[in-house]
Amino acid sequence: MATSGLGTIVIPVKDLTAAKTLYGTLLGVTPDVDQPYYVGFTAGGQHVGLDPNGDTTAGPIMYWHVDNIRTTLDALLAAGAEQLQEIKDVGAGKKIATVRDQDGTTVGILEQS
């Protein structure tokens, strides 16, 4: 199991248009992805996504970029994590899954093919 570090953070938002303006201003870039269901920016080697369908009470989800999502997910579950989301293809060659650690923190993993 290997990770190349944190590379993506997804922020749940209530107002996608307002959030797009705010984060575009903060990051100083225009969106790479601009859809009604997701807006994504790349800045400083990081991807920042805005999810209008996310749980705003849970806060942002940080995604660790991994070489093999299945191997990593299985290892995290064996280490005591609770699965929240099965592996899901989200397009553009990306697969994601989420788990909850023993302290209740949501941890995301992402494989880019």
N, C-alpha and C. Protein backbone atom coordinates (compact mmCIF):
# COMPACT_ATOMS: atom_id res chain seq x y z
N MET A 1 0.85 -1.17 0.00
CA MET A 1 0.00 0.00 0.00
C MET A 1 0.90 1.23 0.00
N ALA A 2 0.63 2.15 -0.93
CA ALA A 2 1.44 3.37 -1.01
C ALA A 2 0.55 4.58 -1.24
N THR A 3 1.00 5.70 -0.75
CA THR A 3 0.29 6.96 -0.99
C THR A 3 1.28 8.00 -1.47
N SER A 4 0.81 8.88 -2.33
CA SER A 4 1.65 9.99 -2.76
C SER A 4 1.28 11.26 -2.01
N GLY A 5 0.49 11.10 -0.94
CA GLY A 5 0.15 12.23 -0.07
C GLY A 5 -1.24 12.76 -0.32
N LEU A 6 -1.58 13.78 0.44
CA LEU A 6 -2.87 14.43 0.26
C LEU A 6 -2.82 15.23 -1.02
N GLY A 7 -3.77 15.00 -1.89
CA GLY A 7 -3.77 15.72 -3.16
C GLY A 7 -5.10 16.36 -3.48
N THR A 8 -6.15 15.97 -2.76
CA THR A 8 -7.49 16.46 -3.07
C THR A 8 -8.25 16.73 -1.79
N ILE A 9 -8.94 17.85 -1.76
CA ILE A 9 -9.86 18.13 -0.67
C ILE A 9 -11.19 18.51 -1.30
N VAL A 10 -12.26 17.90 -0.82
CA VAL A 10 -13.60 18.19 -1.34
C VAL A 10 -14.40 18.86 -0.23
N ILE A 11 -14.91 20.03 -0.55
CA ILE A 11 -15.63 20.85 0.42
C ILE A 11 -17.12 20.83 0.09
N PRO A 12 -17.95 20.38 1.02
CA PRO A 12 -19.39 20.42 0.78
C PRO A 12 -19.88 21.87 0.89
N VAL A 13 -20.72 22.28 -0.06
CA VAL A 13 -21.22 23.66 -0.08
C VAL A 13 -22.73 23.68 -0.28
N LYS A 14 -23.36 24.73 0.21
CA LYS A 14 -24.80 24.90 0.01
C LYS A 14 -25.09 25.70 -1.25
N ASP A 15 -24.27 26.70 -1.54
CA ASP A 15 -24.46 27.58 -2.69
C ASP A 15 -23.23 27.46 -3.58
N LEU A 16 -23.35 26.65 -4.64
CA LEU A 16 -22.21 26.36 -5.50
C LEU A 16 -21.68 27.62 -6.19
N THR A 17 -22.57 28.49 -6.64
CA THR A 17 -22.15 29.70 -7.34
C THR A 17 -21.35 30.61 -6.41
N ALA A 18 -21.84 30.83 -5.21
CA ALA A 18 -21.13 31.68 -4.25
C ALA A 18 -19.80 31.06 -3.86
N ALA A 19 -19.79 29.74 -3.64
CA ALA A 19 -18.55 29.06 -3.26
C ALA A 19 -17.53 29.11 -4.39
N LYS A 20 -17.99 28.95 -5.63
CA LYS A 20 -17.09 29.02 -6.78
C LYS A 20 -16.41 30.39 -6.84
N THR A 21 -17.16 31.44 -6.60
CA THR A 21 -16.59 32.79 -6.60
C THR A 21 -15.57 32.95 -5.47
N LEU A 22 -15.94 32.53 -4.27
CA LEU A 22 -15.06 32.68 -3.12
C LEU A 22 -13.76 31.89 -3.30
N TYR A 23 -13.86 30.60 -3.64
CA TYR A 23 -12.65 29.78 -3.75
C TYR A 23 -11.83 30.13 -4.98
N GLY A 24 -12.48 30.58 -6.06
CA GLY A 24 -11.74 31.07 -7.22
C GLY A 24 -10.90 32.28 -6.86
N THR A 25 -11.48 33.17 -6.05
CA THR A 25 -10.76 34.35 -5.58
C THR A 25 -9.61 33.95 -4.66
N LEU A 26 -9.88 33.06 -3.72
CA LEU A 26 -8.85 32.61 -2.78
C LEU A 26 -7.69 31.94 -3.51
N LEU A 27 -8.00 31.06 -4.44
CA LEU A 27 -6.96 30.27 -5.11
C LEU A 27 -6.32 31.02 -6.28
N GLY A 28 -7.01 32.04 -6.80
CA GLY A 28 -6.47 32.82 -7.91
C GLY A 28 -6.47 32.09 -9.23
N VAL A 29 -7.38 31.12 -9.39
CA VAL A 29 -7.48 30.35 -10.63
C VAL A 29 -8.95 30.17 -11.01
N THR A 30 -9.18 29.81 -12.27
CA THR A 30 -10.53 29.46 -12.71
C THR A 30 -10.71 27.95 -12.58
N PRO A 31 -11.94 27.48 -12.51
CA PRO A 31 -12.17 26.04 -12.34
C PRO A 31 -11.67 25.20 -13.52
N ASP A 32 -11.12 24.02 -13.20
CA ASP A 32 -10.79 23.01 -14.21
C ASP A 32 -12.05 22.26 -14.61
N VAL A 33 -12.90 22.04 -13.62
CA VAL A 33 -14.18 21.34 -13.80
C VAL A 33 -15.26 22.30 -13.32
N ASP A 34 -16.27 22.53 -14.15
CA ASP A 34 -17.33 23.47 -13.77
C ASP A 34 -18.66 22.89 -14.21
N GLN A 35 -19.23 22.06 -13.35
CA GLN A 35 -20.49 21.38 -13.63
C GLN A 35 -21.49 21.70 -12.52
N PRO A 36 -22.79 21.52 -12.76
CA PRO A 36 -23.78 21.79 -11.72
C PRO A 36 -23.62 20.87 -10.50
N TYR A 37 -22.98 19.72 -10.67
CA TYR A 37 -22.82 18.75 -9.59
C TYR A 37 -21.44 18.79 -8.93
N TYR A 38 -20.50 19.59 -9.49
CA TYR A 38 -19.14 19.62 -8.94
C TYR A 38 -18.35 20.74 -9.63
N VAL A 39 -17.59 21.48 -8.85
CA VAL A 39 -16.66 22.47 -9.38
C VAL A 39 -15.30 22.14 -8.78
N GLY A 40 -14.27 22.07 -9.63
CA GLY A 40 -12.94 21.72 -9.15
C GLY A 40 -11.88 22.69 -9.63
N PHE A 41 -10.95 23.00 -8.75
CA PHE A 41 -9.83 23.89 -9.05
C PHE A 41 -8.52 23.13 -8.81
N THR A 42 -7.47 23.49 -9.56
CA THR A 42 -6.13 22.99 -9.28
C THR A 42 -5.25 24.20 -8.99
N ALA A 43 -4.63 24.18 -7.83
CA ALA A 43 -3.75 25.29 -7.44
C ALA A 43 -2.64 24.74 -6.55
N GLY A 44 -1.43 25.11 -6.86
CA GLY A 44 -0.30 24.68 -6.03
C GLY A 44 -0.14 23.17 -5.95
N GLY A 45 -0.50 22.46 -7.03
CA GLY A 45 -0.39 21.01 -7.03
C GLY A 45 -1.49 20.29 -6.28
N GLN A 46 -2.46 21.02 -5.79
CA GLN A 46 -3.58 20.44 -5.04
C GLN A 46 -4.87 20.61 -5.83
N HIS A 47 -5.80 19.68 -5.64
CA HIS A 47 -7.12 19.81 -6.24
C HIS A 47 -8.10 20.16 -5.13
N VAL A 48 -8.87 21.21 -5.34
CA VAL A 48 -9.90 21.63 -4.40
C VAL A 48 -11.24 21.52 -5.11
N GLY A 49 -12.11 20.66 -4.57
CA GLY A 49 -13.42 20.45 -5.18
C GLY A 49 -14.53 21.00 -4.32
N LEU A 50 -15.59 21.44 -4.97
CA LEU A 50 -16.78 21.94 -4.29
C LEU A 50 -17.94 21.02 -4.64
N ASP A 51 -18.59 20.46 -3.63
CA ASP A 51 -19.66 19.48 -3.82
C ASP A 51 -20.97 20.02 -3.26
N PRO A 52 -21.91 20.41 -4.14
CA PRO A 52 -23.18 20.94 -3.66
C PRO A 52 -24.10 19.88 -3.06
N ASN A 53 -23.72 18.61 -3.20
CA ASN A 53 -24.53 17.52 -2.66
C ASN A 53 -23.90 16.90 -1.42
N GLY A 54 -22.81 17.47 -0.94
CA GLY A 54 -22.12 16.93 0.22
C GLY A 54 -22.79 17.33 1.53
N ASP A 55 -22.40 16.66 2.58
CA ASP A 55 -22.92 16.92 3.92
C ASP A 55 -22.15 18.09 4.53
N THR A 56 -22.77 19.27 4.55
CA THR A 56 -22.07 20.45 5.05
C THR A 56 -21.80 20.40 6.54
N THR A 57 -22.50 19.53 7.26
CA THR A 57 -22.25 19.42 8.70
C THR A 57 -21.00 18.59 8.99
N ALA A 58 -20.56 17.79 8.02
CA ALA A 58 -19.41 16.92 8.22
C ALA A 58 -18.08 17.61 7.92
N GLY A 59 -18.11 18.71 7.20
CA GLY A 59 -16.89 19.41 6.84
C GLY A 59 -16.22 18.81 5.62
N PRO A 60 -15.06 19.33 5.24
CA PRO A 60 -14.35 18.85 4.05
C PRO A 60 -13.85 17.42 4.23
N ILE A 61 -13.67 16.75 3.11
CA ILE A 61 -13.05 15.42 3.10
C ILE A 61 -11.72 15.54 2.38
N MET A 62 -10.66 15.09 3.05
CA MET A 62 -9.34 15.08 2.45
C MET A 62 -9.11 13.70 1.83
N TYR A 63 -8.66 13.69 0.59
CA TYR A 63 -8.42 12.44 -0.12
C TYR A 63 -6.92 12.20 -0.26
N TRP A 64 -6.49 11.05 0.25
CA TRP A 64 -5.12 10.58 0.07
C TRP A 64 -5.05 9.91 -1.29
N HIS A 65 -4.09 10.31 -2.11
CA HIS A 65 -3.91 9.70 -3.42
C HIS A 65 -3.12 8.40 -3.25
N VAL A 66 -3.66 7.32 -3.79
CA VAL A 66 -3.06 6.00 -3.61
C VAL A 66 -2.85 5.33 -4.96
N ASP A 67 -1.93 4.35 -4.98
CA ASP A 67 -1.64 3.62 -6.21
C ASP A 67 -2.71 2.59 -6.53
N ASN A 68 -3.25 1.93 -5.50
CA ASN A 68 -4.24 0.87 -5.70
C ASN A 68 -5.35 1.04 -4.67
N ILE A 69 -6.49 1.51 -5.11
CA ILE A 69 -7.57 1.83 -4.17
C ILE A 69 -8.12 0.59 -3.48
N ARG A 70 -8.23 -0.53 -4.19
CA ARG A 70 -8.77 -1.76 -3.59
C ARG A 70 -7.85 -2.25 -2.48
N THR A 71 -6.56 -2.33 -2.75
CA THR A 71 -5.60 -2.79 -1.75
C THR A 71 -5.60 -1.86 -0.53
N THR A 72 -5.64 -0.56 -0.79
CA THR A 72 -5.63 0.41 0.31
C THR A 72 -6.91 0.31 1.13
N LEU A 73 -8.05 0.23 0.47
CA LEU A 73 -9.33 0.12 1.19
C LEU A 73 -9.34 -1.14 2.05
N ASP A 74 -8.94 -2.26 1.49
CA ASP A 74 -8.92 -3.51 2.26
C ASP A 74 -8.00 -3.40 3.48
N ALA A 75 -6.84 -2.76 3.30
CA ALA A 75 -5.90 -2.60 4.41
C ALA A 75 -6.47 -1.69 5.49
N LEU A 76 -7.15 -0.63 5.10
CA LEU A 76 -7.75 0.28 6.09
C LEU A 76 -8.86 -0.42 6.87
N LEU A 77 -9.67 -1.21 6.18
CA LEU A 77 -10.74 -1.95 6.85
C LEU A 77 -10.15 -2.97 7.83
N ALA A 78 -9.08 -3.64 7.41
CA ALA A 78 -8.42 -4.61 8.29
C ALA A 78 -7.80 -3.92 9.51
N ALA A 79 -7.44 -2.64 9.35
CA ALA A 79 -6.83 -1.89 10.44
C ALA A 79 -7.87 -1.26 11.36
N GLY A 80 -9.14 -1.52 11.09
CA GLY A 80 -10.18 -1.05 12.00
C GLY A 80 -11.06 0.08 11.50
N ALA A 81 -10.85 0.54 10.26
CA ALA A 81 -11.70 1.60 9.71
C ALA A 81 -13.09 1.05 9.40
N GLU A 82 -14.07 1.94 9.42
CA GLU A 82 -15.45 1.60 9.05
C GLU A 82 -15.71 2.16 7.65
N GLN A 83 -16.18 1.31 6.75
CA GLN A 83 -16.43 1.76 5.38
C GLN A 83 -17.67 2.65 5.32
N LEU A 84 -17.52 3.81 4.70
CA LEU A 84 -18.64 4.72 4.49
C LEU A 84 -19.12 4.68 3.05
N GLN A 85 -18.17 4.60 2.10
CA GLN A 85 -18.51 4.59 0.68
C GLN A 85 -17.65 3.55 -0.02
N GLU A 86 -18.30 2.66 -0.74
CA GLU A 86 -17.60 1.67 -1.56
C GLU A 86 -16.85 2.41 -2.67
N ILE A 87 -15.94 1.73 -3.31
CA ILE A 87 -15.19 2.32 -4.42
C ILE A 87 -16.18 2.77 -5.49
N LYS A 88 -16.01 4.02 -5.92
CA LYS A 88 -16.93 4.63 -6.89
C LYS A 88 -16.11 5.31 -7.99
N ASP A 89 -16.46 5.02 -9.24
CA ASP A 89 -15.84 5.69 -10.38
C ASP A 89 -16.51 7.05 -10.53
N VAL A 90 -15.74 8.13 -10.38
CA VAL A 90 -16.31 9.47 -10.47
C VAL A 90 -15.92 10.17 -11.78
N GLY A 91 -15.40 9.43 -12.72
CA GLY A 91 -15.07 9.98 -14.03
C GLY A 91 -13.65 10.49 -14.10
N ALA A 92 -13.23 10.80 -15.31
CA ALA A 92 -11.89 11.34 -15.59
C ALA A 92 -10.79 10.44 -15.04
N GLY A 93 -11.05 9.12 -15.02
CA GLY A 93 -10.04 8.17 -14.55
C GLY A 93 -9.84 8.13 -13.05
N LYS A 94 -10.79 8.67 -12.30
CA LYS A 94 -10.66 8.72 -10.84
C LYS A 94 -11.65 7.78 -10.17
N LYS A 95 -11.15 7.09 -9.14
CA LYS A 95 -11.99 6.26 -8.27
C LYS A 95 -11.78 6.75 -6.85
N ILE A 96 -12.88 6.80 -6.08
CA ILE A 96 -12.79 7.24 -4.69
C ILE A 96 -13.50 6.26 -3.78
N ALA A 97 -13.14 6.31 -2.51
CA ALA A 97 -13.84 5.58 -1.45
C ALA A 97 -13.59 6.36 -0.16
N THR A 98 -14.49 6.18 0.81
CA THR A 98 -14.29 6.84 2.11
C THR A 98 -14.50 5.85 3.24
N VAL A 99 -13.75 6.08 4.31
CA VAL A 99 -13.87 5.29 5.54
C VAL A 99 -13.91 6.27 6.71
N ARG A 100 -14.29 5.75 7.87
CA ARG A 100 -14.24 6.53 9.11
C ARG A 100 -13.23 5.86 10.01
N ASP A 101 -12.31 6.68 10.56
CA ASP A 101 -11.33 6.10 11.47
C ASP A 101 -11.94 5.88 12.85
N GLN A 102 -11.14 5.35 13.75
CA GLN A 102 -11.63 4.98 15.08
C GLN A 102 -12.11 6.19 15.89
N ASP A 103 -11.70 7.39 15.49
CA ASP A 103 -12.11 8.60 16.21
C ASP A 103 -13.24 9.35 15.51
N GLY A 104 -13.76 8.78 14.43
CA GLY A 104 -14.89 9.39 13.75
C GLY A 104 -14.54 10.31 12.59
N THR A 105 -13.25 10.41 12.26
CA THR A 105 -12.83 11.27 11.15
C THR A 105 -13.03 10.55 9.83
N THR A 106 -13.62 11.24 8.86
CA THR A 106 -13.78 10.68 7.52
C THR A 106 -12.47 10.81 6.77
N VAL A 107 -12.03 9.71 6.18
CA VAL A 107 -10.79 9.65 5.42
C VAL A 107 -11.13 9.21 4.01
N GLY A 108 -10.70 9.98 3.02
CA GLY A 108 -10.94 9.63 1.63
C GLY A 108 -9.68 9.07 0.99
N ILE A 109 -9.88 8.15 0.06
CA ILE A 109 -8.77 7.65 -0.76
C ILE A 109 -9.17 7.80 -2.22
N LEU A 110 -8.19 8.10 -3.07
CA LEU A 110 -8.44 8.38 -4.48
C LEU A 110 -7.35 7.73 -5.32
N GLU A 111 -7.78 6.99 -6.33
CA GLU A 111 -6.85 6.42 -7.30
C GLU A 111 -7.07 7.11 -8.63
N GLN A 112 -6.01 7.63 -9.22
CA GLN A 112 -6.06 8.26 -10.54
C GLN A 112 -5.40 7.32 -11.53
N SER A 113 -6.17 6.88 -12.53
CA SER A 113 -5.57 5.96 -13.51
C SER A 113 -5.08 6.70 -14.73
